[in-house]
Amino acid sequence: MSYNENNGPNKTTGQFHSVKGSAVETVGNMTGWQDWSQSGKQEHAEGEAEYNAAQAKGYVEGTKDRVGGRKDAVVGAVTGDRQQEATGNVRRDKGETQQNINRPE
């Protein structure tokens, strides 16, 4: 896998390797070069796996923000701390957006 060492899986690099692998596989199939065909197929599969792992990671992070934001908003509302309530609502909305972007297909 080509996971970014600092941040784990990445959707962009996963997509890149998926497309590149498909192209290499196609060239291999057209020319009869089995090594290219096989390495392209493998790179495509690794790219898809990285993309899916990054998508799952993003969804989980969104869930954490959504739940944490909701908690902060409720605590802020109960205690009368409007700033905490507003910050919690923003965090909740951010988490919901991140979940929607990374929702498994």
PDB file of N, CA and C in Angstrom:
ATOM      1  N   MET A   1       0.834  -1.179   0.000  1.00  0.00           N
ATOM      2  CA  MET A   1       0.000   0.000   0.000  1.00  0.00           C
ATOM      3  C   MET A   1       0.879   1.242   0.000  1.00  0.00           C
ATOM      4  N   SER A   2       0.308   2.308  -0.465  1.00  0.00           N
ATOM      5  CA  SER A   2       1.052   3.560  -0.554  1.00  0.00           C
ATOM      6  C   SER A   2       0.543   4.571   0.468  1.00  0.00           C
ATOM      7  N   TYR A   3       0.107   4.103   1.608  1.00  0.00           N
ATOM      8  CA  TYR A   3      -0.420   5.009   2.629  1.00  0.00           C
ATOM      9  C   TYR A   3       0.604   6.066   2.973  1.00  0.00           C
ATOM     10  N   ASN A   4       0.118   7.274   3.179  1.00  0.00           N
ATOM     11  CA  ASN A   4       0.947   8.368   3.631  1.00  0.00           C
ATOM     12  C   ASN A   4       1.420   8.028   5.039  1.00  0.00           C
ATOM     13  N   GLU A   5       2.712   8.082   5.268  1.00  0.00           N
ATOM     14  CA  GLU A   5       3.272   7.671   6.556  1.00  0.00           C
ATOM     15  C   GLU A   5       2.731   8.480   7.727  1.00  0.00           C
ATOM     16  N   ASN A   6       2.416   9.744   7.503  1.00  0.00           N
ATOM     17  CA  ASN A   6       1.968  10.601   8.601  1.00  0.00           C
ATOM     18  C   ASN A   6       0.475  10.516   8.858  1.00  0.00           C
ATOM     19  N   ASN A   7      -0.304  10.388   7.815  1.00  0.00           N
ATOM     20  CA  ASN A   7      -1.757  10.508   7.969  1.00  0.00           C
ATOM     21  C   ASN A   7      -2.528   9.245   7.631  1.00  0.00           C
ATOM     22  N   GLY A   8      -1.880   8.174   7.317  1.00  0.00           N
ATOM     23  CA  GLY A   8      -2.588   6.953   6.963  1.00  0.00           C
ATOM     24  C   GLY A   8      -3.105   7.002   5.536  1.00  0.00           C
ATOM     25  N   PRO A   9      -4.188   6.294   5.257  1.00  0.00           N
ATOM     26  CA  PRO A   9      -4.700   6.220   3.889  1.00  0.00           C
ATOM     27  C   PRO A   9      -5.186   7.573   3.388  1.00  0.00           C
ATOM     28  N   ASN A  10      -5.099   7.757   2.067  1.00  0.00           N
ATOM     29  CA  ASN A  10      -5.441   9.034   1.452  1.00  0.00           C
ATOM     30  C   ASN A  10      -6.303   8.768   0.226  1.00  0.00           C
ATOM     31  N   LYS A  11      -7.429   9.455   0.119  1.00  0.00           N
ATOM     32  CA  LYS A  11      -8.340   9.234  -1.012  1.00  0.00           C
ATOM     33  C   LYS A  11      -7.703   9.623  -2.347  1.00  0.00           C
ATOM     34  N   THR A  12      -6.954  10.714  -2.361  1.00  0.00           N
ATOM     35  CA  THR A  12      -6.362  11.196  -3.610  1.00  0.00           C
ATOM     36  C   THR A  12      -5.315  10.227  -4.139  1.00  0.00           C
ATOM     37  N   THR A  13      -4.394   9.790  -3.279  1.00  0.00           N
ATOM     38  CA  THR A  13      -3.370   8.860  -3.755  1.00  0.00           C
ATOM     39  C   THR A  13      -3.980   7.500  -4.077  1.00  0.00           C
ATOM     40  N   GLY A  14      -4.996   7.111  -3.338  1.00  0.00           N
ATOM     41  CA  GLY A  14      -5.682   5.855  -3.650  1.00  0.00           C
ATOM     42  C   GLY A  14      -6.316   5.900  -5.023  1.00  0.00           C
ATOM     43  N   GLN A  15      -6.971   7.000  -5.340  1.00  0.00           N
ATOM     44  CA  GLN A  15      -7.594   7.163  -6.646  1.00  0.00           C
ATOM     45  C   GLN A  15      -6.541   7.189  -7.753  1.00  0.00           C
ATOM     46  N   PHE A  16      -5.436   7.899  -7.503  1.00  0.00           N
ATOM     47  CA  PHE A  16      -4.348   7.973  -8.475  1.00  0.00           C
ATOM     48  C   PHE A  16      -3.829   6.577  -8.807  1.00  0.00           C
ATOM     49  N   HIS A  17      -3.531   5.780  -7.783  1.00  0.00           N
ATOM     50  CA  HIS A  17      -2.983   4.447  -8.015  1.00  0.00           C
ATOM     51  C   HIS A  17      -4.009   3.517  -8.662  1.00  0.00           C
ATOM     52  N   SER A  18      -5.267   3.706  -8.359  1.00  0.00           N
ATOM     53  CA  SER A  18      -6.312   2.909  -8.999  1.00  0.00           C
ATOM     54  C   SER A  18      -6.354   3.176 -10.500  1.00  0.00           C
ATOM     55  N   VAL A  19      -6.354   4.451 -10.880  1.00  0.00           N
ATOM     56  CA  VAL A  19      -6.409   4.826 -12.297  1.00  0.00           C
ATOM     57  C   VAL A  19      -5.125   4.417 -13.008  1.00  0.00           C
ATOM     58  N   LYS A  20      -3.982   4.681 -12.381  1.00  0.00           N
ATOM     59  CA  LYS A  20      -2.697   4.322 -12.979  1.00  0.00           C
ATOM     60  C   LYS A  20      -2.610   2.806 -13.174  1.00  0.00           C
ATOM     61  N   GLY A  21      -3.039   2.062 -12.172  1.00  0.00           N
ATOM     62  CA  GLY A  21      -3.009   0.603 -12.286  1.00  0.00           C
ATOM     63  C   GLY A  21      -3.876   0.103 -13.419  1.00  0.00           C
ATOM     64  N   SER A  22      -5.042   0.705 -13.588  1.00  0.00           N
ATOM     65  CA  SER A  22      -5.924   0.317 -14.696  1.00  0.00           C
ATOM     66  C   SER A  22      -5.260   0.597 -16.045  1.00  0.00           C
ATOM     67  N   ALA A  23      -4.584   1.742 -16.145  1.00  0.00           N
ATOM     68  CA  ALA A  23      -3.908   2.090 -17.401  1.00  0.00           C
ATOM     69  C   ALA A  23      -2.780   1.114 -17.702  1.00  0.00           C
ATOM     70  N   VAL A  24      -1.976   0.793 -16.699  1.00  0.00           N
ATOM     71  CA  VAL A  24      -0.864  -0.147 -16.892  1.00  0.00           C
ATOM     72  C   VAL A  24      -1.405  -1.528 -17.260  1.00  0.00           C
ATOM     73  N   GLU A  25      -2.469  -1.943 -16.613  1.00  0.00           N
ATOM     74  CA  GLU A  25      -3.079  -3.234 -16.926  1.00  0.00           C
ATOM     75  C   GLU A  25      -3.573  -3.261 -18.371  1.00  0.00           C
ATOM     76  N   THR A  26      -4.193  -2.168 -18.823  1.00  0.00           N
ATOM     77  CA  THR A  26      -4.694  -2.089 -20.197  1.00  0.00           C
ATOM     78  C   THR A  26      -3.550  -2.196 -21.200  1.00  0.00           C
ATOM     79  N   VAL A  27      -2.457  -1.473 -20.940  1.00  0.00           N
ATOM     80  CA  VAL A  27      -1.291  -1.556 -21.838  1.00  0.00           C
ATOM     81  C   VAL A  27      -0.754  -2.984 -21.857  1.00  0.00           C
ATOM     82  N   GLY A  28      -0.678  -3.584 -20.705  1.00  0.00           N
ATOM     83  CA  GLY A  28      -0.202  -4.967 -20.625  1.00  0.00           C
ATOM     84  C   GLY A  28      -1.093  -5.920 -21.395  1.00  0.00           C
ATOM     85  N   ASN A  29      -2.389  -5.747 -21.296  1.00  0.00           N
ATOM     86  CA  ASN A  29      -3.327  -6.609 -22.021  1.00  0.00           C
ATOM     87  C   ASN A  29      -3.224  -6.397 -23.525  1.00  0.00           C
ATOM     88  N   MET A  30      -3.062  -5.142 -23.949  1.00  0.00           N
ATOM     89  CA  MET A  30      -2.987  -4.833 -25.376  1.00  0.00           C
ATOM     90  C   MET A  30      -1.696  -5.340 -26.017  1.00  0.00           C
ATOM     91  N   THR A  31      -0.612  -5.315 -25.253  1.00  0.00           N
ATOM     92  CA  THR A  31       0.685  -5.724 -25.800  1.00  0.00           C
ATOM     93  C   THR A  31       1.017  -7.174 -25.509  1.00  0.00           C
ATOM     94  N   GLY A  32       0.256  -7.804 -24.635  1.00  0.00           N
ATOM     95  CA  GLY A  32       0.544  -9.186 -24.266  1.00  0.00           C
ATOM     96  C   GLY A  32       1.624  -9.300 -23.202  1.00  0.00           C
ATOM     97  N   TRP A  33       2.011  -8.182 -22.602  1.00  0.00           N
ATOM     98  CA  TRP A  33       3.024  -8.198 -21.548  1.00  0.00           C
ATOM     99  C   TRP A  33       2.345  -8.533 -20.222  1.00  0.00           C
ATOM    100  N   GLN A  34       2.463  -9.780 -19.835  1.00  0.00           N
ATOM    101  CA  GLN A  34       1.779 -10.258 -18.641  1.00  0.00           C
ATOM    102  C   GLN A  34       2.262  -9.580 -17.360  1.00  0.00           C
ATOM    103  N   ASP A  35       3.571  -9.260 -17.312  1.00  0.00           N
ATOM    104  CA  ASP A  35       4.095  -8.588 -16.117  1.00  0.00           C
ATOM    105  C   ASP A  35       3.394  -7.242 -15.900  1.00  0.00           C
ATOM    106  N   TRP A  36       3.213  -6.487 -16.984  1.00  0.00           N
ATOM    107  CA  TRP A  36       2.536  -5.191 -16.884  1.00  0.00           C
ATOM    108  C   TRP A  36       1.078  -5.388 -16.492  1.00  0.00           C
ATOM    109  N   SER A  37       0.461  -6.355 -17.131  1.00  0.00           N
ATOM    110  CA  SER A  37      -0.942  -6.625 -16.843  1.00  0.00           C
ATOM    111  C   SER A  37      -1.137  -6.958 -15.365  1.00  0.00           C
ATOM    112  N   GLN A  38      -0.288  -7.825 -14.862  1.00  0.00           N
ATOM    113  CA  GLN A  38      -0.403  -8.264 -13.473  1.00  0.00           C
ATOM    114  C   GLN A  38      -0.079  -7.128 -12.499  1.00  0.00           C
ATOM    115  N   SER A  39       1.004  -6.369 -12.768  1.00  0.00           N
ATOM    116  CA  SER A  39       1.367  -5.285 -11.846  1.00  0.00           C
ATOM    117  C   SER A  39       0.304  -4.181 -11.877  1.00  0.00           C
ATOM    118  N   GLY A  40      -0.291  -3.939 -13.044  1.00  0.00           N
ATOM    119  CA  GLY A  40      -1.356  -2.949 -13.135  1.00  0.00           C
ATOM    120  C   GLY A  40      -2.584  -3.366 -12.353  1.00  0.00           C
ATOM    121  N   LYS A  41      -2.916  -4.635 -12.458  1.00  0.00           N
ATOM    122  CA  LYS A  41      -4.075  -5.157 -11.712  1.00  0.00           C
ATOM    123  C   LYS A  41      -3.838  -5.025 -10.208  1.00  0.00           C
ATOM    124  N   GLN A  42      -2.613  -5.320  -9.781  1.00  0.00           N
ATOM    125  CA  GLN A  42      -2.282  -5.234  -8.359  1.00  0.00           C
ATOM    126  C   GLN A  42      -2.317  -3.774  -7.877  1.00  0.00           C
ATOM    127  N   GLU A  43      -1.744  -2.854  -8.669  1.00  0.00           N
ATOM    128  CA  GLU A  43      -1.738  -1.448  -8.268  1.00  0.00           C
ATOM    129  C   GLU A  43      -3.167  -0.894  -8.213  1.00  0.00           C
ATOM    130  N   HIS A  44      -3.997  -1.315  -9.156  1.00  0.00           N
ATOM    131  CA  HIS A  44      -5.403  -0.888  -9.141  1.00  0.00           C
ATOM    132  C   HIS A  44      -6.090  -1.357  -7.854  1.00  0.00           C
ATOM    133  N   ALA A  45      -5.900  -2.614  -7.493  1.00  0.00           N
ATOM    134  CA  ALA A  45      -6.526  -3.155  -6.277  1.00  0.00           C
ATOM    135  C   ALA A  45      -6.017  -2.446  -5.027  1.00  0.00           C
ATOM    136  N   GLU A  46      -4.715  -2.157  -4.978  1.00  0.00           N
ATOM    137  CA  GLU A  46      -4.158  -1.457  -3.822  1.00  0.00           C
ATOM    138  C   GLU A  46      -4.701  -0.025  -3.743  1.00  0.00           C
ATOM    139  N   GLY A  47      -4.840   0.618  -4.887  1.00  0.00           N
ATOM    140  CA  GLY A  47      -5.399   1.970  -4.912  1.00  0.00           C
ATOM    141  C   GLY A  47      -6.836   1.988  -4.432  1.00  0.00           C
ATOM    142  N   GLU A  48      -7.622   1.027  -4.874  1.00  0.00           N
ATOM    143  CA  GLU A  48      -9.019   0.934  -4.420  1.00  0.00           C
ATOM    144  C   GLU A  48      -9.092   0.691  -2.916  1.00  0.00           C
ATOM    145  N   ALA A  49      -8.209  -0.180  -2.420  1.00  0.00           N
ATOM    146  CA  ALA A  49      -8.199  -0.471  -0.980  1.00  0.00           C
ATOM    147  C   ALA A  49      -7.825   0.772  -0.180  1.00  0.00           C
ATOM    148  N   GLU A  50      -6.844   1.533  -0.671  1.00  0.00           N
ATOM    149  CA  GLU A  50      -6.449   2.752   0.035  1.00  0.00           C
ATOM    150  C   GLU A  50      -7.581   3.777   0.027  1.00  0.00           C
ATOM    151  N   TYR A  51      -8.236   3.942  -1.105  1.00  0.00           N
ATOM    152  CA  TYR A  51      -9.354   4.880  -1.201  1.00  0.00           C
ATOM    153  C   TYR A  51     -10.458   4.493  -0.211  1.00  0.00           C
ATOM    154  N   ASN A  52     -10.802   3.210  -0.188  1.00  0.00           N
ATOM    155  CA  ASN A  52     -11.866   2.743   0.710  1.00  0.00           C
ATOM    156  C   ASN A  52     -11.475   2.905   2.181  1.00  0.00           C
ATOM    157  N   ALA A  53     -10.202   2.662   2.499  1.00  0.00           N
ATOM    158  CA  ALA A  53      -9.734   2.831   3.877  1.00  0.00           C
ATOM    159  C   ALA A  53      -9.793   4.304   4.283  1.00  0.00           C
ATOM    160  N   ALA A  54      -9.402   5.193   3.373  1.00  0.00           N
ATOM    161  CA  ALA A  54      -9.453   6.629   3.666  1.00  0.00           C
ATOM    162  C   ALA A  54     -10.897   7.094   3.833  1.00  0.00           C
ATOM    163  N   GLN A  55     -11.777   6.549   3.028  1.00  0.00           N
ATOM    164  CA  GLN A  55     -13.194   6.897   3.118  1.00  0.00           C
ATOM    165  C   GLN A  55     -13.754   6.461   4.478  1.00  0.00           C
ATOM    166  N   ALA A  56     -13.417   5.259   4.902  1.00  0.00           N
ATOM    167  CA  ALA A  56     -13.888   4.764   6.199  1.00  0.00           C
ATOM    168  C   ALA A  56     -13.326   5.611   7.341  1.00  0.00           C
ATOM    169  N   LYS A  57     -12.049   5.975   7.233  1.00  0.00           N
ATOM    170  CA  LYS A  57     -11.421   6.810   8.258  1.00  0.00           C
ATOM    171  C   LYS A  57     -12.129   8.167   8.344  1.00  0.00           C
ATOM    172  N   GLY A  58     -12.420   8.762   7.210  1.00  0.00           N
ATOM    173  CA  GLY A  58     -13.109  10.050   7.182  1.00  0.00           C
ATOM    174  C   GLY A  58     -14.500   9.956   7.774  1.00  0.00           C
ATOM    175  N   TYR A  59     -15.197   8.862   7.508  1.00  0.00           N
ATOM    176  CA  TYR A  59     -16.543   8.680   8.050  1.00  0.00           C
ATOM    177  C   TYR A  59     -16.502   8.573   9.574  1.00  0.00           C
ATOM    178  N   VAL A  60     -15.532   7.812  10.086  1.00  0.00           N
ATOM    179  CA  VAL A  60     -15.401   7.652  11.543  1.00  0.00           C
ATOM    180  C   VAL A  60     -15.048   8.985  12.198  1.00  0.00           C
ATOM    181  N   GLU A  61     -14.135   9.743  11.580  1.00  0.00           N
ATOM    182  CA  GLU A  61     -13.785  11.051  12.127  1.00  0.00           C
ATOM    183  C   GLU A  61     -15.004  11.979  12.137  1.00  0.00           C
ATOM    184  N   GLY A  62     -15.812  11.914  11.090  1.00  0.00           N
ATOM    185  CA  GLY A  62     -17.032  12.708  11.042  1.00  0.00           C
ATOM    186  C   GLY A  62     -18.007  12.316  12.131  1.00  0.00           C
ATOM    187  N   THR A  63     -18.104  11.030  12.390  1.00  0.00           N
ATOM    188  CA  THR A  63     -18.986  10.539  13.445  1.00  0.00           C
ATOM    189  C   THR A  63     -18.541  11.065  14.806  1.00  0.00           C
ATOM    190  N   LYS A  64     -17.223  11.026  15.054  1.00  0.00           N
ATOM    191  CA  LYS A  64     -16.702  11.536  16.329  1.00  0.00           C
ATOM    192  C   LYS A  64     -17.008  13.022  16.489  1.00  0.00           C
ATOM    193  N   ASP A  65     -16.817  13.796  15.429  1.00  0.00           N
ATOM    194  CA  ASP A  65     -17.121  15.235  15.509  1.00  0.00           C
ATOM    195  C   ASP A  65     -18.613  15.478  15.708  1.00  0.00           C
ATOM    196  N   ARG A  66     -19.425  14.707  15.028  1.00  0.00           N
ATOM    197  CA  ARG A  66     -20.879  14.888  15.133  1.00  0.00           C
ATOM    198  C   ARG A  66     -21.365  14.607  16.554  1.00  0.00           C
ATOM    199  N   VAL A  67     -20.907  13.497  17.118  1.00  0.00           N
ATOM    200  CA  VAL A  67     -21.331  13.129  18.475  1.00  0.00           C
ATOM    201  C   VAL A  67     -20.753  14.106  19.502  1.00  0.00           C
ATOM    202  N   GLY A  68     -19.462  14.421  19.384  1.00  0.00           N
ATOM    203  CA  GLY A  68     -18.835  15.351  20.320  1.00  0.00           C
ATOM    204  C   GLY A  68     -19.461  16.736  20.246  1.00  0.00           C
ATOM    205  N   GLY A  69     -19.769  17.175  19.034  1.00  0.00           N
ATOM    206  CA  GLY A  69     -20.410  18.478  18.866  1.00  0.00           C
ATOM    207  C   GLY A  69     -21.792  18.510  19.473  1.00  0.00           C
ATOM    208  N   ARG A  70     -22.513  17.434  19.290  1.00  0.00           N
ATOM    209  CA  ARG A  70     -23.868  17.364  19.861  1.00  0.00           C
ATOM    210  C   ARG A  70     -23.810  17.441  21.380  1.00  0.00           C
ATOM    211  N   LYS A  71     -22.842  16.708  21.951  1.00  0.00           N
ATOM    212  CA  LYS A  71     -22.667  16.722  23.411  1.00  0.00           C
ATOM    213  C   LYS A  71     -22.356  18.139  23.883  1.00  0.00           C
ATOM    214  N   ASP A  72     -21.414  18.800  23.211  1.00  0.00           N
ATOM    215  CA  ASP A  72     -21.048  20.164  23.605  1.00  0.00           C
ATOM    216  C   ASP A  72     -22.233  21.123  23.484  1.00  0.00           C
ATOM    217  N   ALA A  73     -23.017  20.975  22.426  1.00  0.00           N
ATOM    218  CA  ALA A  73     -24.177  21.845  22.225  1.00  0.00           C
ATOM    219  C   ALA A  73     -25.206  21.649  23.339  1.00  0.00           C
ATOM    220  N   VAL A  74     -25.449  20.422  23.710  1.00  0.00           N
ATOM    221  CA  VAL A  74     -26.424  20.137  24.773  1.00  0.00           C
ATOM    222  C   VAL A  74     -25.919  20.669  26.109  1.00  0.00           C
ATOM    223  N   VAL A  75     -24.653  20.413  26.426  1.00  0.00           N
ATOM    224  CA  VAL A  75     -24.088  20.905  27.685  1.00  0.00           C
ATOM    225  C   VAL A  75     -24.144  22.438  27.713  1.00  0.00           C
ATOM    226  N   GLY A  76     -23.805  23.060  26.587  1.00  0.00           N
ATOM    227  CA  GLY A  76     -23.874  24.513  26.514  1.00  0.00           C
ATOM    228  C   GLY A  76     -25.292  25.037  26.722  1.00  0.00           C
ATOM    229  N   ALA A  77     -26.270  24.356  26.128  1.00  0.00           N
ATOM    230  CA  ALA A  77     -27.666  24.776  26.273  1.00  0.00           C
ATOM    231  C   ALA A  77     -28.143  24.620  27.707  1.00  0.00           C
ATOM    232  N   VAL A  78     -27.766  23.519  28.332  1.00  0.00           N
ATOM    233  CA  VAL A  78     -28.208  23.250  29.700  1.00  0.00           C
ATOM    234  C   VAL A  78     -27.573  24.235  30.687  1.00  0.00           C
ATOM    235  N   THR A  79     -26.306  24.546  30.487  1.00  0.00           N
ATOM    236  CA  THR A  79     -25.595  25.429  31.422  1.00  0.00           C
ATOM    237  C   THR A  79     -25.756  26.901  31.070  1.00  0.00           C
ATOM    238  N   GLY A  80     -26.364  27.189  29.933  1.00  0.00           N
ATOM    239  CA  GLY A  80     -26.545  28.578  29.527  1.00  0.00           C
ATOM    240  C   GLY A  80     -25.329  29.182  28.847  1.00  0.00           C
ATOM    241  N   ASP A  81     -24.356  28.341  28.502  1.00  0.00           N
ATOM    242  CA  ASP A  81     -23.137  28.820  27.838  1.00  0.00           C
ATOM    243  C   ASP A  81     -23.393  28.826  26.325  1.00  0.00           C
ATOM    244  N   ARG A  82     -23.814  29.955  25.811  1.00  0.00           N
ATOM    245  CA  ARG A  82     -24.190  30.070  24.392  1.00  0.00           C
ATOM    246  C   ARG A  82     -23.006  29.864  23.458  1.00  0.00           C
ATOM    247  N   GLN A  83     -21.815  30.256  23.900  1.00  0.00           N
ATOM    248  CA  GLN A  83     -20.643  30.062  23.052  1.00  0.00           C
ATOM    249  C   GLN A  83     -20.343  28.569  22.893  1.00  0.00           C
ATOM    250  N   GLN A  84     -20.408  27.818  23.982  1.00  0.00           N
ATOM    251  CA  GLN A  84     -20.186  26.375  23.910  1.00  0.00           C
ATOM    252  C   GLN A  84     -21.264  25.715  23.058  1.00  0.00           C
ATOM    253  N   GLU A  85     -22.470  26.171  23.214  1.00  0.00           N
ATOM    254  CA  GLU A  85     -23.571  25.621  22.424  1.00  0.00           C
ATOM    255  C   GLU A  85     -23.339  25.869  20.926  1.00  0.00           C
ATOM    256  N   ALA A  86     -22.948  27.091  20.574  1.00  0.00           N
ATOM    257  CA  ALA A  86     -22.712  27.433  19.167  1.00  0.00           C
ATOM    258  C   ALA A  86     -21.522  26.652  18.603  1.00  0.00           C
ATOM    259  N   THR A  87     -20.451  26.572  19.387  1.00  0.00           N
ATOM    260  CA  THR A  87     -19.264  25.819  18.949  1.00  0.00           C
ATOM    261  C   THR A  87     -19.617  24.346  18.742  1.00  0.00           C
ATOM    262  N   GLY A  88     -20.424  23.806  19.644  1.00  0.00           N
ATOM    263  CA  GLY A  88     -20.864  22.417  19.510  1.00  0.00           C
ATOM    264  C   GLY A  88     -21.697  22.204  18.260  1.00  0.00           C
ATOM    265  N   ASN A  89     -22.575  23.152  17.964  1.00  0.00           N
ATOM    266  CA  ASN A  89     -23.402  23.033  16.751  1.00  0.00           C
ATOM    267  C   ASN A  89     -22.556  23.079  15.487  1.00  0.00           C
ATOM    268  N   VAL A  90     -21.542  23.940  15.469  1.00  0.00           N
ATOM    269  CA  VAL A  90     -20.646  24.024  14.310  1.00  0.00           C
ATOM    270  C   VAL A  90     -19.888  22.712  14.139  1.00  0.00           C
ATOM    271  N   ARG A  91     -19.378  22.176  15.257  1.00  0.00           N
ATOM    272  CA  ARG A  91     -18.642  20.898  15.194  1.00  0.00           C
ATOM    273  C   ARG A  91     -19.553  19.764  14.728  1.00  0.00           C
ATOM    274  N   ARG A  92     -20.782  19.761  15.225  1.00  0.00           N
ATOM    275  CA  ARG A  92     -21.741  18.735  14.811  1.00  0.00           C
ATOM    276  C   ARG A  92     -22.011  18.826  13.302  1.00  0.00           C
ATOM    277  N   ASP A  93     -22.221  20.036  12.809  1.00  0.00           N
ATOM    278  CA  ASP A  93     -22.478  20.225  11.381  1.00  0.00           C
ATOM    279  C   ASP A  93     -21.277  19.810  10.535  1.00  0.00           C
ATOM    280  N   LYS A  94     -20.087  20.138  11.013  1.00  0.00           N
ATOM    281  CA  LYS A  94     -18.865  19.736  10.307  1.00  0.00           C
ATOM    282  C   LYS A  94     -18.774  18.205  10.233  1.00  0.00           C
ATOM    283  N   GLY A  95     -19.061  17.558  11.345  1.00  0.00           N
ATOM    284  CA  GLY A  95     -19.022  16.097  11.377  1.00  0.00           C
ATOM    285  C   GLY A  95     -20.046  15.483  10.446  1.00  0.00           C
ATOM    286  N   GLU A  96     -21.231  16.062  10.396  1.00  0.00           N
ATOM    287  CA  GLU A  96     -22.279  15.548   9.510  1.00  0.00           C
ATOM    288  C   GLU A  96     -21.852  15.684   8.050  1.00  0.00           C
ATOM    289  N   THR A  97     -21.253  16.825   7.711  1.00  0.00           N
ATOM    290  CA  THR A  97     -20.780  17.035   6.340  1.00  0.00           C
ATOM    291  C   THR A  97     -19.692  16.020   5.993  1.00  0.00           C
ATOM    292  N   GLN A  98     -18.775  15.799   6.922  1.00  0.00           N
ATOM    293  CA  GLN A  98     -17.701  14.830   6.679  1.00  0.00           C
ATOM    294  C   GLN A  98     -18.265  13.418   6.509  1.00  0.00           C
ATOM    295  N   GLN A  99     -19.274  13.087   7.286  1.00  0.00           N
ATOM    296  CA  GLN A  99     -19.913  11.777   7.108  1.00  0.00           C
ATOM    297  C   GLN A  99     -20.543  11.668   5.720  1.00  0.00           C
ATOM    298  N   ASN A 100     -21.246  12.711   5.290  1.00  0.00           N
ATOM    299  CA  ASN A 100     -21.904  12.675   3.989  1.00  0.00           C
ATOM    300  C   ASN A 100     -20.901  12.531   2.852  1.00  0.00           C
ATOM    301  N   ILE A 101     -19.772  13.219   2.961  1.00  0.00           N
ATOM    302  CA  ILE A 101     -18.740  13.143   1.926  1.00  0.00           C
ATOM    303  C   ILE A 101     -18.130  11.745   1.858  1.00  0.00           C
ATOM    304  N   ASN A 102     -18.002  11.104   2.997  1.00  0.00           N
ATOM    305  CA  ASN A 102     -17.321   9.812   3.077  1.00  0.00           C
ATOM    306  C   ASN A 102     -18.262   8.626   3.241  1.00  0.00           C
ATOM    307  N   ARG A 103     -19.531   8.836   3.017  1.00  0.00           N
ATOM    308  CA  ARG A 103     -20.503   7.748   3.154  1.00  0.00           C
ATOM    309  C   ARG A 103     -20.159   6.620   2.189  1.00  0.00           C
ATOM    310  N   PRO A 104     -20.061   5.396   2.687  1.00  0.00           N
ATOM    311  CA  PRO A 104     -19.746   4.265   1.799  1.00  0.00           C
ATOM    312  C   PRO A 104     -20.818   4.123   0.705  1.00  0.00           C
ATOM    313  N   GLU A 105     -20.376   3.753  -0.461  1.00  0.00           N
ATOM    314  CA  GLU A 105     -21.286   3.642  -1.618  1.00  0.00           C
ATOM    315  C   GLU A 105     -21.980   2.312  -1.674  1.00  0.00           C
TER     316      GLU A 105
END
